[in-house]
Amino acid sequence: APMPGMVVTVAVKVGQLVKKGDPLLSLEAMKMETMLSADRDATVHAIHVRAGETINAKDLLIELKD
């Protein structure tokens, strides 16, 4: 995670193919919502968070596999 906050939505499922720029999840921090996007074309390998969960900076949220 780029910053501490709360997961608002998870937009992908395990096994889903994503393209670079596709939305993965959104975070709320300091009353601002931030969308995290895929940095490359890949498959979602694992999701380690769910909506409503509080996270810390540097937490592993989603694993992508080429």
N, C-alpha and C. Protein backbone atom coordinates (compact mmCIF):
# COMPACT_ATOMS: atom_id res chain seq x y z
N ALA A 1 0.85 -1.19 0.00
CA ALA A 1 0.00 0.00 0.00
C ALA A 1 0.89 1.24 0.00
N PRO A 2 0.50 2.25 -0.75
CA PRO A 2 1.31 3.46 -0.80
C PRO A 2 1.16 4.32 0.45
N MET A 3 0.07 4.12 1.21
CA MET A 3 -0.20 4.93 2.40
C MET A 3 -1.16 4.17 3.31
N PRO A 4 -1.20 4.50 4.60
CA PRO A 4 -2.18 3.87 5.47
C PRO A 4 -3.58 4.38 5.13
N GLY A 5 -4.58 3.56 5.37
CA GLY A 5 -5.96 3.97 5.09
C GLY A 5 -6.90 2.81 5.22
N MET A 6 -8.05 2.92 4.54
CA MET A 6 -9.06 1.87 4.57
C MET A 6 -9.40 1.47 3.14
N VAL A 7 -9.52 0.16 2.91
CA VAL A 7 -9.92 -0.34 1.60
C VAL A 7 -11.41 -0.05 1.42
N VAL A 8 -11.75 0.65 0.34
CA VAL A 8 -13.15 0.97 0.06
C VAL A 8 -13.77 -0.09 -0.84
N THR A 9 -13.10 -0.40 -1.95
CA THR A 9 -13.60 -1.43 -2.87
C THR A 9 -12.45 -2.27 -3.38
N VAL A 10 -12.74 -3.53 -3.69
CA VAL A 10 -11.80 -4.41 -4.39
C VAL A 10 -12.47 -4.71 -5.73
N ALA A 11 -11.82 -4.32 -6.82
CA ALA A 11 -12.44 -4.38 -8.14
C ALA A 11 -12.08 -5.63 -8.94
N VAL A 12 -11.30 -6.54 -8.36
CA VAL A 12 -10.85 -7.73 -9.10
C VAL A 12 -11.10 -8.99 -8.28
N LYS A 13 -10.98 -10.14 -8.96
CA LYS A 13 -11.11 -11.45 -8.32
C LYS A 13 -9.86 -12.27 -8.64
N VAL A 14 -9.55 -13.24 -7.80
CA VAL A 14 -8.41 -14.13 -8.05
C VAL A 14 -8.64 -14.84 -9.38
N GLY A 15 -7.60 -14.90 -10.20
CA GLY A 15 -7.68 -15.54 -11.50
C GLY A 15 -8.04 -14.59 -12.63
N GLN A 16 -8.45 -13.39 -12.30
CA GLN A 16 -8.86 -12.41 -13.31
C GLN A 16 -7.65 -11.87 -14.06
N LEU A 17 -7.78 -11.73 -15.38
CA LEU A 17 -6.73 -11.11 -16.19
C LEU A 17 -6.92 -9.60 -16.13
N VAL A 18 -5.85 -8.87 -15.87
CA VAL A 18 -5.90 -7.41 -15.85
C VAL A 18 -4.88 -6.85 -16.83
N LYS A 19 -5.20 -5.71 -17.38
CA LYS A 19 -4.29 -5.00 -18.28
C LYS A 19 -3.69 -3.82 -17.53
N LYS A 20 -2.54 -3.36 -17.97
CA LYS A 20 -1.90 -2.19 -17.36
C LYS A 20 -2.91 -1.05 -17.31
N GLY A 21 -3.06 -0.45 -16.12
CA GLY A 21 -3.98 0.67 -15.94
C GLY A 21 -5.36 0.27 -15.44
N ASP A 22 -5.70 -1.04 -15.47
CA ASP A 22 -7.00 -1.47 -14.95
C ASP A 22 -7.08 -1.21 -13.45
N PRO A 23 -8.24 -0.79 -12.94
CA PRO A 23 -8.39 -0.56 -11.49
C PRO A 23 -8.35 -1.88 -10.72
N LEU A 24 -7.60 -1.89 -9.60
CA LEU A 24 -7.52 -3.07 -8.73
C LEU A 24 -8.35 -2.88 -7.47
N LEU A 25 -8.13 -1.74 -6.80
CA LEU A 25 -8.89 -1.44 -5.58
C LEU A 25 -8.81 0.04 -5.29
N SER A 26 -9.69 0.50 -4.41
CA SER A 26 -9.64 1.91 -4.00
C SER A 26 -9.43 1.99 -2.50
N LEU A 27 -8.66 3.01 -2.11
CA LEU A 27 -8.33 3.27 -0.71
C LEU A 27 -8.85 4.63 -0.31
N GLU A 28 -9.24 4.76 0.95
CA GLU A 28 -9.60 6.07 1.49
C GLU A 28 -8.58 6.41 2.57
N ALA A 29 -7.98 7.59 2.42
CA ALA A 29 -7.01 8.08 3.40
C ALA A 29 -7.15 9.59 3.48
N MET A 30 -7.21 10.11 4.67
CA MET A 30 -7.35 11.55 4.88
C MET A 30 -8.54 12.12 4.09
N LYS A 31 -9.65 11.39 4.08
CA LYS A 31 -10.91 11.78 3.42
C LYS A 31 -10.80 11.90 1.90
N MET A 32 -9.74 11.31 1.33
CA MET A 32 -9.59 11.28 -0.13
C MET A 32 -9.58 9.83 -0.57
N GLU A 33 -10.26 9.54 -1.68
CA GLU A 33 -10.28 8.19 -2.22
C GLU A 33 -9.26 8.08 -3.35
N THR A 34 -8.45 7.04 -3.32
CA THR A 34 -7.40 6.82 -4.32
C THR A 34 -7.59 5.46 -4.96
N MET A 35 -7.57 5.41 -6.29
CA MET A 35 -7.69 4.15 -7.01
C MET A 35 -6.28 3.62 -7.30
N LEU A 36 -6.04 2.36 -6.97
CA LEU A 36 -4.77 1.71 -7.31
C LEU A 36 -5.01 0.88 -8.57
N SER A 37 -4.11 1.01 -9.54
CA SER A 37 -4.26 0.36 -10.83
C SER A 37 -3.12 -0.63 -11.08
N ALA A 38 -3.37 -1.57 -11.99
CA ALA A 38 -2.36 -2.55 -12.36
C ALA A 38 -1.18 -1.85 -13.03
N ASP A 39 0.03 -2.23 -12.66
CA ASP A 39 1.23 -1.62 -13.26
C ASP A 39 1.70 -2.36 -14.50
N ARG A 40 1.02 -3.50 -14.81
CA ARG A 40 1.39 -4.29 -15.99
C ARG A 40 0.24 -5.24 -16.33
N ASP A 41 0.31 -5.85 -17.50
CA ASP A 41 -0.65 -6.90 -17.85
C ASP A 41 -0.29 -8.13 -17.02
N ALA A 42 -1.27 -8.73 -16.35
CA ALA A 42 -0.99 -9.87 -15.47
C ALA A 42 -2.29 -10.57 -15.08
N THR A 43 -2.15 -11.61 -14.26
CA THR A 43 -3.28 -12.32 -13.67
C THR A 43 -3.26 -12.07 -12.17
N VAL A 44 -4.43 -11.84 -11.59
CA VAL A 44 -4.53 -11.65 -10.14
C VAL A 44 -4.27 -13.01 -9.48
N HIS A 45 -3.18 -13.10 -8.73
CA HIS A 45 -2.77 -14.36 -8.09
C HIS A 45 -3.38 -14.50 -6.69
N ALA A 46 -3.43 -13.41 -5.92
CA ALA A 46 -3.97 -13.46 -4.56
C ALA A 46 -4.44 -12.07 -4.15
N ILE A 47 -5.48 -12.03 -3.31
CA ILE A 47 -5.98 -10.78 -2.74
C ILE A 47 -5.89 -10.92 -1.23
N HIS A 48 -5.17 -10.01 -0.58
CA HIS A 48 -4.91 -10.11 0.86
C HIS A 48 -5.75 -9.17 1.71
N VAL A 49 -6.67 -8.43 1.09
CA VAL A 49 -7.51 -7.48 1.83
C VAL A 49 -8.95 -7.58 1.35
N ARG A 50 -9.86 -6.99 2.12
CA ARG A 50 -11.26 -6.91 1.71
C ARG A 50 -11.79 -5.51 2.03
N ALA A 51 -12.90 -5.15 1.42
CA ALA A 51 -13.50 -3.83 1.63
C ALA A 51 -13.77 -3.63 3.12
N GLY A 52 -13.46 -2.44 3.61
CA GLY A 52 -13.68 -2.09 5.01
C GLY A 52 -12.48 -2.34 5.90
N GLU A 53 -11.47 -3.02 5.38
CA GLU A 53 -10.29 -3.36 6.17
C GLU A 53 -9.33 -2.17 6.25
N THR A 54 -8.77 -1.93 7.44
CA THR A 54 -7.76 -0.88 7.63
C THR A 54 -6.39 -1.47 7.29
N ILE A 55 -5.60 -0.70 6.54
CA ILE A 55 -4.28 -1.17 6.13
C ILE A 55 -3.22 -0.15 6.52
N ASN A 56 -1.98 -0.61 6.54
CA ASN A 56 -0.82 0.24 6.81
C ASN A 56 -0.02 0.44 5.53
N ALA A 57 0.80 1.49 5.51
CA ALA A 57 1.70 1.70 4.38
C ALA A 57 2.61 0.48 4.26
N LYS A 58 2.89 0.07 3.05
CA LYS A 58 3.77 -1.06 2.72
C LYS A 58 3.11 -2.42 2.90
N ASP A 59 1.83 -2.49 3.32
CA ASP A 59 1.13 -3.78 3.39
C ASP A 59 0.97 -4.34 1.98
N LEU A 60 1.05 -5.67 1.85
CA LEU A 60 0.81 -6.34 0.58
C LEU A 60 -0.70 -6.48 0.41
N LEU A 61 -1.24 -5.92 -0.66
CA LEU A 61 -2.69 -5.91 -0.87
C LEU A 61 -3.13 -6.95 -1.89
N ILE A 62 -2.50 -6.93 -3.05
CA ILE A 62 -2.86 -7.84 -4.15
C ILE A 62 -1.57 -8.33 -4.79
N GLU A 63 -1.54 -9.63 -5.12
CA GLU A 63 -0.39 -10.19 -5.83
C GLU A 63 -0.78 -10.44 -7.28
N LEU A 64 0.07 -9.99 -8.20
CA LEU A 64 -0.12 -10.22 -9.62
C LEU A 64 0.94 -11.20 -10.11
N LYS A 65 0.57 -12.02 -11.09
CA LYS A 65 1.50 -12.99 -11.66
C LYS A 65 1.48 -12.81 -13.18
N ASP A 66 2.66 -12.80 -13.78
CA ASP A 66 2.74 -12.63 -15.24
C ASP A 66 2.32 -13.88 -15.96
